[in-house]
Amino acid sequence: MSRTSVPSLLFLHGRYGVRDDLAWIAERAPAPWRPVLLQGPVPLGDRFEWFSVADWEGVGALSSTAAPAADRLLAWIDQNCGDAPVAAVGWSQGGATALQVMRRAPGRLRFVVTLGGFTTMDAESGDAVLAERRPPVFWGHGADDDVITPNDIERMREFLPGHSTLEERVYPGVGHDISTQMADDALRFVVEQSAEL
């Protein structure tokens, strides 16, 4: 893929996912965004993840675990997007990877949409800058999610309000899944952020 001056909206699947998992949302990406479906680099059989999770007592991870995935994604952005605006929509572990990019390189992503996502447990190099800049973040998650643990939810609620301009939506009756309403709200958020381009 060649470098582009068109704004890129990256779509990052979850753990045990593949590139096309979020195609049903990406195909509705509003102008002027160019939707880009990416695939995690770590194979899990015929599926993929963004980073390995050694301890499955909840999906939370140390920053040191997620940092290589974030750095690989940052390198891809630098190679393919130039100085054009970039934002990310991530599902579950893909949402965690997008937040990790934001935390390691504040300003590189215009905004993040994290659906059923989480954030890592320890401090990151860009956290102080994020506390000043407060970039837009949409966080949608199911009220009945049995994969993202209460501790993961608590950590998100401790971190995001002080480090982003947060819109949180909780969806009754939804588990660890992306409901139609969640996708609609995420795309509405993207449209709202597009006015700032």
Foldseek 3Di string as FASTA:
>chain_A
DAEDQQEEEEEAEAAQAAQCPCVVLQVVADPPYDYDGDAADADDDPHHHNFDDPDQPARAAALVGLVVSLVVVVVVCVGHHPPHAYAYEYAARGQQSRVSNCQAPPPNHQEYEYENYFYHDDHYPRQVVLLVVAHEYEYEYEPAAPRHDPVRVVRCVVRNVRRHPYDYDYHYPDYSDQDPVNSVVVSVVSVVSVVVD
